[in-house]
């Protein structure tokens, strides 16, 4: 009889609601409640000891250490128990004797008055004489004993939220005295774009920013500066790390990412929340076409900005003019060109020639060419079977343009030689797909790899059962392995050409066969 590993799960519902469900605002009032202030660092906020003996809702999972055929709690196993409060929220996770010293590992969970996990505690080990895998009614006392308060370890992370119904996190602090203990963490911001701000006070200074949020568009396949975004049309999500380095992502109302900009803590200059000065930042711009397809990425250095300042009374006006340097754009920007079906047919990355792509009628990539192959009039090809699995790859010499090759890859002809790349790119002959044809050669082509599927009829290399150790006598947990012919959908072999620059005409190949057991697991590679 085969042996299978099982996971036994026990679910007990002690009561519909227990005394451990924390208080929530009265929904009848429908008035937002400001979350209670978190206790000072070192007091382990929101964690409380409870009364022993109260029933708990829990789900217990037993994981056997060896495969079994029937459920048996007497065999060696790992036990994990998840406890829930009356609202179905995790309250504790107890791993029985999960610590290296044989102690229970307890992971407590706490919630604030709004039901949010603003505090997340680290797990602690329960004393050995009490490590029986049950609910810990003294989590606060045990955690403080495991992480002594006198050492200021602060064993929890903290998240501060805004007071809006969206519950947006505004600050996240990691565990430890140097982080949450000092109120030091990551600050998160959510803004919209505005062009004016002031310093406030009795004699405020007003700032107006003109051209702070540039807009780019595509003209003749190149990015062009096309004016600025109006106030209130962009979303700005900011992240400032513990060292004061700022990163902002700016998106439009369609959700498209338009700009990523960053500023380190050492950069100085006037910085205002609603109208930051652009020349204090490093920018990456993302440019889209009318169909919302990404067409260009402009990394830092590809776009320059000039600033002029004028003063009118107590108002300072900053005007920004953006430009793209044609001499640098070819070496710095990323560009993507699409065909009428939305497929990328040309790709440009910095410092590299344009890559070309050709697809078959199933939108599968069949030909590609980079700058090095273009100098040799060669294209890399990849053919597929009827299940879209790659079967053959190689290089073929072709002098036609990309557009011409795209036409040839999708338009059938009355007659196509069987040793032509086009015959396999079309994947079509007499109305029937090609499922298992592997051409030994093609016109003006060099075959590089073959991939075989479903059976062992085309692979080389014989299965050798003597190389698989026999299972120990009397050990039913180990089953003898033998290869199976139930390999539908599996890769059964490969054939890879050896590229030897010293002997380019040598026809040498590396053949590999993959043998599987009845469960589809590789047991031998020949």
Protein backbone atom coordinates (compact mmCIF):
# COMPACT_ATOMS: atom_id res chain seq x y z
CA UNK A 1 0.00 0.00 0.00
CA UNK A 2 1.46 3.41 -0.89
CA UNK A 3 2.27 5.78 1.95
CA UNK A 4 1.17 9.38 1.88
CA UNK A 5 2.00 12.27 4.19
CA UNK A 6 -1.08 13.72 5.88
CA UNK A 7 -1.77 16.91 7.78
CA UNK A 8 -4.37 16.50 10.53
CA UNK A 9 -6.35 19.60 11.44
CA UNK A 10 -8.67 19.92 14.42
CA UNK A 11 -11.06 22.86 14.64
CA UNK A 12 -12.86 23.60 17.89
CA UNK A 13 -15.28 26.47 18.41
CA UNK A 14 -15.58 27.10 22.11
CA UNK A 15 -18.14 29.87 21.83
CA UNK A 16 -19.57 32.31 19.37
CA UNK A 17 -17.87 35.13 21.22
CA UNK A 18 -15.40 35.07 24.07
CA UNK A 19 -14.12 37.60 26.51
CA UNK A 20 -11.04 38.23 24.39
CA UNK A 21 -12.76 40.18 21.62
CA UNK A 22 -11.52 43.75 21.96
CA UNK A 23 -13.86 46.74 22.06
CA UNK A 24 -14.88 48.50 18.83
CA UNK A 25 -16.83 51.77 18.37
CA UNK A 26 -20.61 51.64 18.59
CA UNK A 27 -21.78 51.50 14.92
CA UNK A 28 -25.06 53.17 15.88
CA UNK A 29 -23.26 56.43 16.53
CA UNK A 30 -21.47 56.26 13.16
CA UNK A 31 -18.81 58.61 14.49
CA UNK A 32 -15.12 57.97 13.73
CA UNK A 33 -13.17 57.28 16.89
CA UNK A 34 -9.63 58.55 17.19
CA UNK A 35 -7.38 55.55 17.97
CA UNK A 36 -6.15 55.48 21.53
CA UNK A 37 -2.64 56.77 22.06
CA UNK A 38 -0.05 54.02 22.18
CA UNK A 39 1.59 53.52 25.55
CA UNK A 40 5.15 54.80 26.00
CA UNK A 41 7.92 52.63 24.61
CA UNK A 42 8.97 49.83 26.92
CA UNK A 43 5.49 49.04 28.29
CA UNK A 44 4.49 46.64 25.48
CA UNK A 45 1.27 48.39 24.37
CA UNK A 46 -2.04 46.59 23.79
CA UNK A 47 -0.74 43.32 25.29
CA UNK A 48 -2.58 42.04 28.37
CA UNK A 49 -2.66 39.00 30.63
CA UNK A 50 -5.99 37.18 30.78
CA UNK A 51 -7.90 34.95 33.18
CA UNK A 52 -6.96 31.28 33.12
CA UNK A 53 -9.61 28.74 32.21
CA UNK A 54 -11.76 30.69 29.77
CA UNK A 55 -12.64 28.71 26.60
CA UNK A 56 -10.84 29.54 23.38
CA UNK A 57 -11.56 29.08 19.69
CA UNK A 58 -8.67 27.31 18.08
CA UNK A 59 -7.49 25.32 15.08
CA UNK A 60 -4.79 22.73 15.71
CA UNK A 61 -2.62 21.24 12.98
CA UNK A 62 -0.54 18.09 13.46
CA UNK A 63 2.18 17.45 10.87
CA UNK A 64 3.64 13.90 11.02
CA UNK A 65 7.41 13.58 10.86
CA UNK A 66 7.07 10.64 8.44
CA UNK A 67 4.50 9.54 5.85
CA UNK A 68 1.51 7.68 7.29
CA UNK A 69 -1.55 5.94 5.88
CA UNK A 70 -4.01 6.68 8.69
CA UNK A 71 -4.48 9.51 11.16
CA UNK A 72 -2.54 8.67 14.30
CA UNK A 73 -1.76 11.25 16.97
CA UNK A 74 0.62 8.85 18.73
CA UNK A 75 3.32 9.09 16.08
CA UNK A 76 5.97 11.81 16.20
CA UNK A 77 4.59 15.03 14.80
CA UNK A 78 4.78 18.83 14.90
CA UNK A 79 1.89 20.67 16.53
CA UNK A 80 0.81 24.22 15.68
CA UNK A 81 -2.29 25.73 17.31
CA UNK A 82 -3.92 28.95 16.13
CA UNK A 83 -6.20 30.68 18.63
CA UNK A 84 -8.86 33.21 17.61
CA UNK A 85 -10.88 35.83 19.42
CA UNK A 86 -14.64 36.16 19.20
CA UNK A 87 -14.40 38.14 15.96
CA UNK A 88 -12.37 35.45 14.21
CA UNK A 89 -9.13 37.41 14.40
CA UNK A 90 -5.85 35.62 15.22
CA UNK A 91 -5.08 35.91 18.92
CA UNK A 92 -2.10 33.58 19.39
CA UNK A 93 -0.15 31.02 17.40
CA UNK A 94 1.52 28.40 19.60
CA UNK A 95 4.12 26.03 18.16
CA UNK A 96 4.55 23.21 20.64
CA UNK A 97 8.21 22.83 21.63
CA UNK A 98 9.23 24.77 18.55
CA UNK A 99 12.21 26.39 20.26
CA UNK A 100 15.66 24.77 20.06
CA UNK A 101 15.57 24.26 23.86
CA UNK A 102 12.21 22.47 23.72
CA UNK A 103 10.08 25.45 24.72
CA UNK A 104 6.80 26.48 23.16
CA UNK A 105 7.03 29.36 20.69
CA UNK A 106 4.18 31.83 21.17
CA UNK A 107 3.26 34.49 18.62
CA UNK A 108 0.79 36.99 20.13
CA UNK A 109 -1.45 39.31 18.10
CA UNK A 110 -3.02 42.55 19.34
CA UNK A 111 -5.42 45.12 17.87
CA UNK A 112 -6.11 48.76 18.58
CA UNK A 113 -9.52 50.32 19.25
CA UNK A 114 -10.23 50.48 15.51
CA UNK A 115 -9.41 46.79 15.01
CA UNK A 116 -6.09 47.48 13.25
CA UNK A 117 -2.81 45.66 13.84
CA UNK A 118 -0.88 48.78 14.72
CA UNK A 119 1.44 46.77 16.99
CA UNK A 120 3.08 43.51 15.86
CA UNK A 121 5.04 41.60 18.51
CA UNK A 122 7.97 39.29 18.04
CA UNK A 123 7.44 35.68 19.22
CA UNK A 124 8.72 34.54 22.58
CA UNK A 125 9.57 31.19 24.19
CA UNK A 126 7.47 29.98 27.09
CA UNK A 127 9.21 28.35 30.11
CA UNK A 128 9.90 24.65 29.58
CA UNK A 129 7.71 23.38 32.43
CA UNK A 130 4.71 25.18 30.90
CA UNK A 131 5.39 24.23 27.28
CA UNK A 132 2.43 21.97 26.56
CA UNK A 133 1.26 23.62 23.34
CA UNK A 134 -1.76 25.32 24.93
CA UNK A 135 -2.97 28.91 25.01
CA UNK A 136 -0.76 31.25 27.04
CA UNK A 137 -2.89 33.33 29.43
CA UNK A 138 0.09 35.42 30.53
CA UNK A 139 1.52 36.76 27.25
CA UNK A 140 2.49 40.15 28.68
CA UNK A 141 4.38 38.69 31.65
CA UNK A 142 6.08 36.01 29.56
CA UNK A 143 7.09 38.40 26.79
CA UNK A 144 8.55 40.89 29.29
CA UNK A 145 10.51 38.06 30.91
CA UNK A 146 11.85 36.93 27.54
CA UNK A 147 12.64 40.50 26.40
CA UNK A 148 13.65 42.31 29.62
CA UNK A 149 12.35 45.89 29.72
CA UNK A 150 15.52 47.00 31.52
CA UNK A 151 17.47 46.25 28.34
CA UNK A 152 15.10 48.36 26.25
CA UNK A 153 14.69 45.71 23.58
CA UNK A 154 11.24 46.92 22.44
CA UNK A 155 10.11 43.59 20.89
CA UNK A 156 7.44 44.96 18.57
CA UNK A 157 6.97 46.93 15.39
CA UNK A 158 4.55 49.82 15.22
CA UNK A 159 2.44 51.37 12.47
CA UNK A 160 0.80 54.77 12.83
CA UNK A 161 -2.32 55.42 10.76
CA UNK A 162 -4.04 58.59 9.69
CA UNK A 163 -7.48 59.42 11.08
CA UNK A 164 -9.32 58.99 7.78
CA UNK A 165 -11.70 56.13 6.93
CA UNK A 166 -9.00 54.82 4.58
CA UNK A 167 -6.71 53.91 7.51
CA UNK A 168 -3.61 54.85 5.55
CA UNK A 169 -0.29 54.08 7.27
CA UNK A 170 1.75 57.23 7.85
CA UNK A 171 4.69 55.82 9.80
CA UNK A 172 6.19 52.36 10.21
CA UNK A 173 8.79 51.55 12.87
CA UNK A 174 10.77 48.33 13.14
CA UNK A 175 11.33 46.46 16.43
CA UNK A 176 14.21 47.51 18.65
CA UNK A 177 15.37 50.29 20.90
CA UNK A 178 17.04 52.17 18.04
CA UNK A 179 13.88 52.14 15.95
CA UNK A 180 10.48 52.03 17.63
CA UNK A 181 12.15 52.86 20.93
CA UNK A 182 13.37 56.17 19.50
CA UNK A 183 10.31 56.83 17.34
CA UNK A 184 12.48 56.34 14.26
CA UNK A 185 10.95 54.77 11.20
CA UNK A 186 9.68 55.17 7.67
CA UNK A 187 7.36 58.11 7.00
CA UNK A 188 4.64 57.72 4.36
CA UNK A 189 2.85 60.62 2.69
CA UNK A 190 -0.15 61.02 0.39
CA UNK A 191 -0.42 64.33 -1.46
CA UNK A 192 -1.67 65.97 -4.63
CA UNK A 193 0.26 68.38 -6.83
CA UNK A 194 -0.06 72.08 -6.14
CA UNK A 195 1.95 75.03 -7.38
CA UNK A 196 1.81 77.34 -4.36
CA UNK A 197 2.66 77.27 -0.68
CA UNK A 198 3.66 79.60 2.13
CA UNK A 199 5.82 79.57 5.23
CA UNK A 200 3.00 80.79 7.48
CA UNK A 201 3.49 83.02 10.48
CA UNK A 202 2.94 86.76 10.93
CA UNK A 203 4.98 87.71 7.86
CA UNK A 204 4.63 84.73 5.56
CA UNK A 205 6.62 84.19 2.41
CA UNK A 206 4.62 82.85 -0.52
CA UNK A 207 6.05 80.50 -3.11
CA UNK A 208 4.65 79.92 -6.58
CA UNK A 209 6.05 77.13 -8.71
CA UNK A 210 5.47 77.25 -12.48
CA UNK A 211 6.30 74.11 -14.44
CA UNK A 212 7.02 71.91 -11.44
CA UNK A 213 5.25 68.88 -12.91
CA UNK A 214 6.21 68.44 -16.59
CA UNK A 215 4.28 66.36 -19.08
CA UNK A 216 5.90 64.42 -21.94
CA UNK A 217 4.37 62.87 -25.02
CA UNK A 218 5.52 60.87 -28.05
CA UNK A 219 6.13 62.55 -31.40
CA UNK A 220 7.67 60.50 -34.23
CA UNK A 221 8.58 57.75 -31.74
CA UNK A 222 10.58 60.20 -29.58
CA UNK A 223 9.69 61.77 -26.22
CA UNK A 224 8.89 65.49 -26.34
CA UNK A 225 8.18 68.00 -23.55
CA UNK A 226 4.50 68.96 -23.87
CA UNK A 227 3.72 71.39 -21.08
CA UNK A 228 2.82 70.87 -17.44
CA UNK A 229 0.15 69.15 -15.38
CA UNK A 230 -2.54 71.28 -13.78
CA UNK A 231 -2.87 71.56 -10.02
CA UNK A 232 -4.73 68.74 -8.33
CA UNK A 233 -4.45 66.28 -11.22
CA UNK A 234 -1.68 64.06 -9.84
CA UNK A 235 -1.28 61.75 -6.85
CA UNK A 236 2.00 61.82 -4.94
CA UNK A 237 2.94 58.89 -2.68
CA UNK A 238 6.10 59.57 -0.70
CA UNK A 239 8.37 57.37 1.40
CA UNK A 240 11.08 58.83 3.62
CA UNK A 241 13.37 56.25 5.19
CA UNK A 242 14.99 56.32 8.61
CA UNK A 243 17.97 58.27 7.26
CA UNK A 244 15.86 61.04 5.72
CA UNK A 245 16.16 59.90 2.10
CA UNK A 246 12.97 60.69 0.22
CA UNK A 247 11.39 58.80 -2.68
CA UNK A 248 8.17 59.87 -4.37
CA UNK A 249 5.97 58.18 -6.95
CA UNK A 250 3.68 60.43 -8.97
CA UNK A 251 0.73 58.98 -10.86
CA UNK A 252 -2.22 60.38 -12.78
CA UNK A 253 -5.95 59.75 -12.39
CA UNK A 254 -5.69 56.66 -14.59
CA UNK A 255 -3.28 55.11 -12.13
CA UNK A 256 -0.33 55.31 -14.53
CA UNK A 257 3.04 55.86 -12.89
CA UNK A 258 4.42 59.05 -14.42
CA UNK A 259 7.43 59.97 -12.32
CA UNK A 260 9.73 58.51 -9.72
CA UNK A 261 11.89 61.07 -8.02
CA UNK A 262 14.29 60.86 -5.10
CA UNK A 263 16.22 63.18 -2.84
CA UNK A 264 18.81 62.19 -0.29
CA UNK A 265 19.07 63.76 3.14
CA UNK A 266 22.18 65.76 2.19
CA UNK A 267 20.48 67.72 -0.60
CA UNK A 268 19.58 71.21 0.57
CA UNK A 269 17.30 73.94 -0.66
CA UNK A 270 13.73 75.08 -0.06
CA UNK A 271 11.47 72.05 0.14
CA UNK A 272 7.74 72.55 0.57
CA UNK A 273 5.18 69.74 0.89
CA UNK A 274 2.85 70.99 -1.83
CA UNK A 275 5.31 72.66 -4.20
CA UNK A 276 8.74 71.00 -3.93
CA UNK A 277 11.49 72.49 -6.02
CA UNK A 278 12.28 70.12 -8.92
CA UNK A 279 16.02 70.75 -9.07
CA UNK A 280 16.48 69.13 -5.66
CA UNK A 281 15.47 65.74 -7.06
CA UNK A 282 16.69 62.96 -9.33
CA UNK A 283 13.97 62.02 -11.81
CA UNK A 284 12.81 59.01 -13.78
CA UNK A 285 9.95 59.81 -16.19
CA UNK A 286 7.53 57.30 -17.74
CA UNK A 287 5.93 58.33 -21.04
CA UNK A 288 2.78 56.72 -22.47
CA UNK A 289 0.98 56.88 -25.79
CA UNK A 290 -2.72 57.51 -26.41
CA UNK A 291 -3.48 53.83 -25.76
CA UNK A 292 -1.85 53.99 -22.30
CA UNK A 293 1.08 51.85 -23.42
CA UNK A 294 4.50 52.57 -21.95
CA UNK A 295 6.57 54.05 -24.77
CA UNK A 296 9.59 55.62 -23.09
CA UNK A 297 11.44 55.64 -19.80
CA UNK A 298 13.65 58.67 -19.20
CA UNK A 299 16.20 57.91 -16.45
CA UNK A 300 18.06 60.54 -14.39
CA UNK A 301 20.30 62.69 -16.58
CA UNK A 302 18.24 62.43 -19.75
CA UNK A 303 16.04 65.42 -18.86
CA UNK A 304 17.41 68.78 -17.75
CA UNK A 305 15.59 71.58 -15.94
CA UNK A 306 16.46 75.29 -15.78
CA UNK A 307 15.16 77.52 -12.99
CA UNK A 308 14.48 81.25 -12.99
CA UNK A 309 13.39 83.22 -9.92
CA UNK A 310 11.35 86.41 -9.77
CA UNK A 311 10.09 88.26 -6.69
CA UNK A 312 6.87 90.22 -6.40
CA UNK A 313 6.36 91.65 -2.92
CA UNK A 314 6.47 88.77 -0.47
CA UNK A 315 5.92 86.21 -3.23
CA UNK A 316 8.76 84.29 -4.85
CA UNK A 317 7.97 82.82 -8.26
CA UNK A 318 10.02 79.86 -9.46
CA UNK A 319 9.69 79.03 -13.15
CA UNK A 320 11.04 75.77 -14.54
CA UNK A 321 11.80 74.93 -18.15
CA UNK A 322 12.36 71.29 -19.07
CA UNK A 323 14.26 69.96 -22.06
CA UNK A 324 15.56 66.68 -23.46
CA UNK A 325 19.12 66.71 -24.75
CA UNK A 326 19.09 65.06 -28.21
CA UNK A 327 22.78 64.22 -27.91
CA UNK A 328 22.22 62.16 -24.76
CA UNK A 329 18.78 60.74 -25.34
CA UNK A 330 19.96 57.96 -27.66
CA UNK A 331 22.29 56.61 -24.99
CA UNK A 332 20.11 57.15 -21.95
CA UNK A 333 16.46 56.42 -22.64
CA UNK A 334 14.38 53.26 -22.90
CA UNK A 335 11.90 53.02 -25.77
CA UNK A 336 9.24 50.51 -26.83
CA UNK A 337 7.43 50.26 -30.17
CA UNK A 338 4.22 48.26 -30.60
CA UNK A 339 2.41 46.81 -33.58
CA UNK A 340 -1.34 47.07 -34.19
CA UNK A 341 -1.93 44.07 -31.92
CA UNK A 342 -0.16 45.68 -28.98
CA UNK A 343 2.95 43.49 -29.17
CA UNK A 344 6.41 44.93 -28.55
CA UNK A 345 8.21 44.77 -31.90
CA UNK A 346 11.12 47.10 -31.12
CA UNK A 347 12.91 47.73 -27.86
CA UNK A 348 15.65 50.24 -27.15
CA UNK A 349 17.66 50.24 -23.93
CA UNK A 350 20.53 52.59 -23.04
CA UNK A 351 23.88 51.92 -24.69
CA UNK A 352 22.51 49.14 -26.89
CA UNK A 353 21.21 48.85 -30.43
CA UNK A 354 17.50 48.34 -31.04
CA UNK A 355 16.13 44.83 -30.55
CA UNK A 356 13.58 43.55 -33.09
CA UNK A 357 10.86 40.96 -32.46
CA UNK A 358 8.66 38.90 -34.80
CA UNK A 359 5.60 36.90 -33.66
CA UNK A 360 3.55 34.09 -35.12
CA UNK A 361 -0.24 34.02 -35.43
CA UNK A 362 -0.53 32.88 -31.80
CA UNK A 363 1.43 35.89 -30.52
CA UNK A 364 4.45 33.71 -29.72
CA UNK A 365 7.91 35.15 -30.25
CA UNK A 366 9.54 33.30 -33.17
CA UNK A 367 12.31 35.66 -34.33
CA UNK A 368 14.44 38.18 -32.46
CA UNK A 369 17.49 40.19 -33.41
CA UNK A 370 19.88 42.40 -31.45
CA UNK A 371 22.61 44.68 -32.76
CA UNK A 372 25.28 41.99 -32.89
CA UNK A 373 23.09 39.60 -34.90
CA UNK A 374 22.08 42.45 -37.20
CA UNK A 375 25.69 42.95 -38.27
CA UNK A 376 25.71 39.30 -39.38
CA UNK A 377 22.22 39.38 -40.99
CA UNK A 378 21.14 36.70 -38.53
CA UNK A 379 18.02 36.20 -36.44
CA UNK A 380 17.52 34.02 -33.39
CA UNK A 381 14.52 31.73 -33.91
CA UNK A 382 12.34 29.75 -31.53
CA UNK A 383 9.64 27.32 -32.67
CA UNK A 384 6.82 25.71 -30.70
CA UNK A 385 4.59 22.69 -30.74
CA UNK A 386 0.80 22.80 -30.71
CA UNK A 387 0.80 23.20 -26.91
CA UNK A 388 2.95 26.37 -27.05
CA UNK A 389 6.03 24.57 -25.73
CA UNK A 390 9.38 25.64 -27.24
CA UNK A 391 10.86 22.80 -29.29
CA UNK A 392 13.74 24.17 -31.37
CA UNK A 393 16.01 27.21 -31.16
CA UNK A 394 18.83 28.40 -33.37
CA UNK A 395 20.13 31.10 -35.72
CA UNK A 396 19.00 31.75 -39.28
CA UNK A 397 20.44 34.11 -41.90
CA UNK A 398 17.79 36.51 -43.23
CA UNK A 399 18.18 39.86 -44.98
CA UNK A 400 14.53 40.92 -45.03
CA UNK A 401 13.24 43.76 -42.87
CA UNK A 402 11.43 43.13 -39.62
CA UNK A 403 8.09 44.13 -41.16
CA UNK A 404 8.61 41.72 -44.06
CA UNK A 405 9.52 38.87 -41.72
CA UNK A 406 6.44 39.60 -39.61
CA UNK A 407 4.29 39.20 -42.73
CA UNK A 408 6.02 35.93 -43.62
CA UNK A 409 5.54 34.56 -40.09
CA UNK A 410 1.76 34.98 -40.15
CA UNK A 411 0.62 34.73 -43.78
CA UNK A 412 0.42 31.18 -45.25
CA UNK A 413 1.62 30.54 -48.79
CA UNK A 414 0.66 27.91 -51.35
CA UNK A 415 3.97 26.11 -50.92
CA UNK A 416 6.68 26.41 -48.26
CA UNK A 417 9.66 24.02 -48.18
CA UNK A 418 9.74 21.78 -45.12
CA UNK A 419 13.30 22.89 -44.37
CA UNK A 420 12.39 26.58 -44.25
CA UNK A 421 12.14 28.53 -40.99
CA UNK A 422 8.80 29.87 -42.21
CA UNK A 423 7.28 26.39 -42.36
CA UNK A 424 7.77 25.95 -38.61
CA UNK A 425 7.02 29.58 -37.69
CA UNK A 426 3.60 29.22 -39.32
CA UNK A 427 3.12 25.96 -37.41
CA UNK A 428 0.73 24.97 -40.16
CA UNK A 429 0.65 22.37 -42.92
CA UNK A 430 -2.41 21.02 -44.73
CA UNK A 431 -4.61 22.48 -42.00
CA UNK A 432 -2.95 20.51 -39.16
CA UNK A 433 -0.70 21.90 -36.40
CA UNK A 434 2.81 20.54 -36.05
CA UNK A 435 3.07 18.76 -32.71
CA UNK A 436 6.21 16.65 -32.72
CA UNK A 437 8.33 17.57 -35.73
CA UNK A 438 12.00 18.32 -35.03
CA UNK A 439 13.87 19.48 -38.14
CA UNK A 440 17.45 18.15 -38.30
CA UNK A 441 18.40 21.21 -40.34
CA UNK A 442 16.94 24.32 -41.98
CA UNK A 443 17.93 26.47 -44.93
CA UNK A 444 20.70 28.93 -43.95
CA UNK A 445 20.24 28.05 -40.30
CA UNK A 446 22.23 26.67 -37.40
CA UNK A 447 20.31 24.50 -34.95
CA UNK A 448 21.27 25.15 -31.32
CA UNK A 449 18.83 23.36 -29.00
CA UNK A 450 16.02 20.79 -29.07
CA UNK A 451 13.47 20.13 -26.33
CA UNK A 452 11.50 16.85 -26.20
CA UNK A 453 8.22 16.23 -24.39
CA UNK A 454 5.62 13.61 -23.47
CA UNK A 455 7.65 10.41 -24.07
CA UNK A 456 11.15 8.99 -24.38
CA UNK A 457 11.01 8.07 -28.08
CA UNK A 458 13.42 10.81 -29.20
CA UNK A 459 15.74 11.04 -26.21
CA UNK A 460 19.09 9.36 -25.79
CA UNK A 461 20.38 7.99 -22.52
CA UNK A 462 19.04 4.84 -20.86
CA UNK A 463 17.56 4.72 -17.39
CA UNK A 464 19.87 2.92 -14.95
CA UNK A 465 17.94 1.62 -11.96
CA UNK A 466 21.09 0.26 -10.30
CA UNK A 467 22.18 3.82 -9.50
CA UNK A 468 19.15 4.40 -7.28
CA UNK A 469 19.82 3.04 -3.76
CA UNK A 470 17.41 0.41 -2.51
CA UNK A 471 15.29 1.40 0.50
CA UNK A 472 16.54 0.18 3.90
CA UNK A 473 15.04 -3.09 4.98
CA UNK A 474 11.99 -2.62 7.18
CA UNK A 475 11.69 1.13 6.56
CA UNK A 476 8.25 1.65 5.05
CA UNK A 477 8.75 5.42 4.80
CA UNK A 478 11.03 5.02 1.76
CA UNK A 479 9.55 3.64 -1.45
CA UNK A 480 11.67 2.14 -4.21
CA UNK A 481 11.83 4.38 -7.28
CA UNK A 482 11.26 3.29 -10.84
CA UNK A 483 10.70 5.43 -13.89
CA UNK A 484 7.23 5.83 -15.34
CA UNK A 485 5.98 6.33 -18.88
CA UNK A 486 3.21 8.63 -17.63
CA UNK A 487 5.07 11.70 -18.88
CA UNK A 488 2.42 13.64 -20.77
CA UNK A 489 3.19 17.33 -20.46
CA UNK A 490 6.68 16.77 -19.05
CA UNK A 491 10.07 17.68 -20.49
CA UNK A 492 11.73 14.34 -21.19
CA UNK A 493 14.96 15.41 -22.86
CA UNK A 494 17.12 18.14 -24.36
CA UNK A 495 19.79 18.35 -27.01
CA UNK A 496 22.20 21.30 -26.86
CA UNK A 497 24.90 22.06 -29.40
CA UNK A 498 28.47 22.60 -28.18
CA UNK A 499 29.78 25.94 -29.45
CA UNK A 500 33.53 25.58 -29.89
CA UNK A 501 35.18 28.74 -31.32
CA UNK A 502 38.32 26.73 -32.07
CA UNK A 503 36.33 24.25 -34.15
CA UNK A 504 33.11 25.96 -35.33
CA UNK A 505 32.26 23.21 -37.83
CA UNK A 506 32.24 20.45 -35.21
CA UNK A 507 28.83 18.85 -34.86
CA UNK A 508 28.95 18.00 -31.17
CA UNK A 509 25.90 17.88 -28.91
CA UNK A 510 25.08 17.37 -25.24
CA UNK A 511 22.09 15.04 -24.88
CA UNK A 512 20.14 14.90 -21.62
CA UNK A 513 17.22 12.66 -20.63
CA UNK A 514 14.92 13.24 -17.65
CA UNK A 515 13.26 10.20 -16.08
CA UNK A 516 10.25 10.60 -13.77
CA UNK A 517 8.44 8.44 -11.26
CA UNK A 518 4.68 7.88 -11.23
CA UNK A 519 4.15 11.22 -9.46
CA UNK A 520 5.97 13.25 -12.10
CA UNK A 521 9.11 13.78 -10.00
CA UNK A 522 12.54 13.63 -11.61
CA UNK A 523 14.40 10.61 -10.26
CA UNK A 524 17.29 10.41 -12.72
CA UNK A 525 19.01 12.65 -15.25
CA UNK A 526 21.14 10.91 -17.88
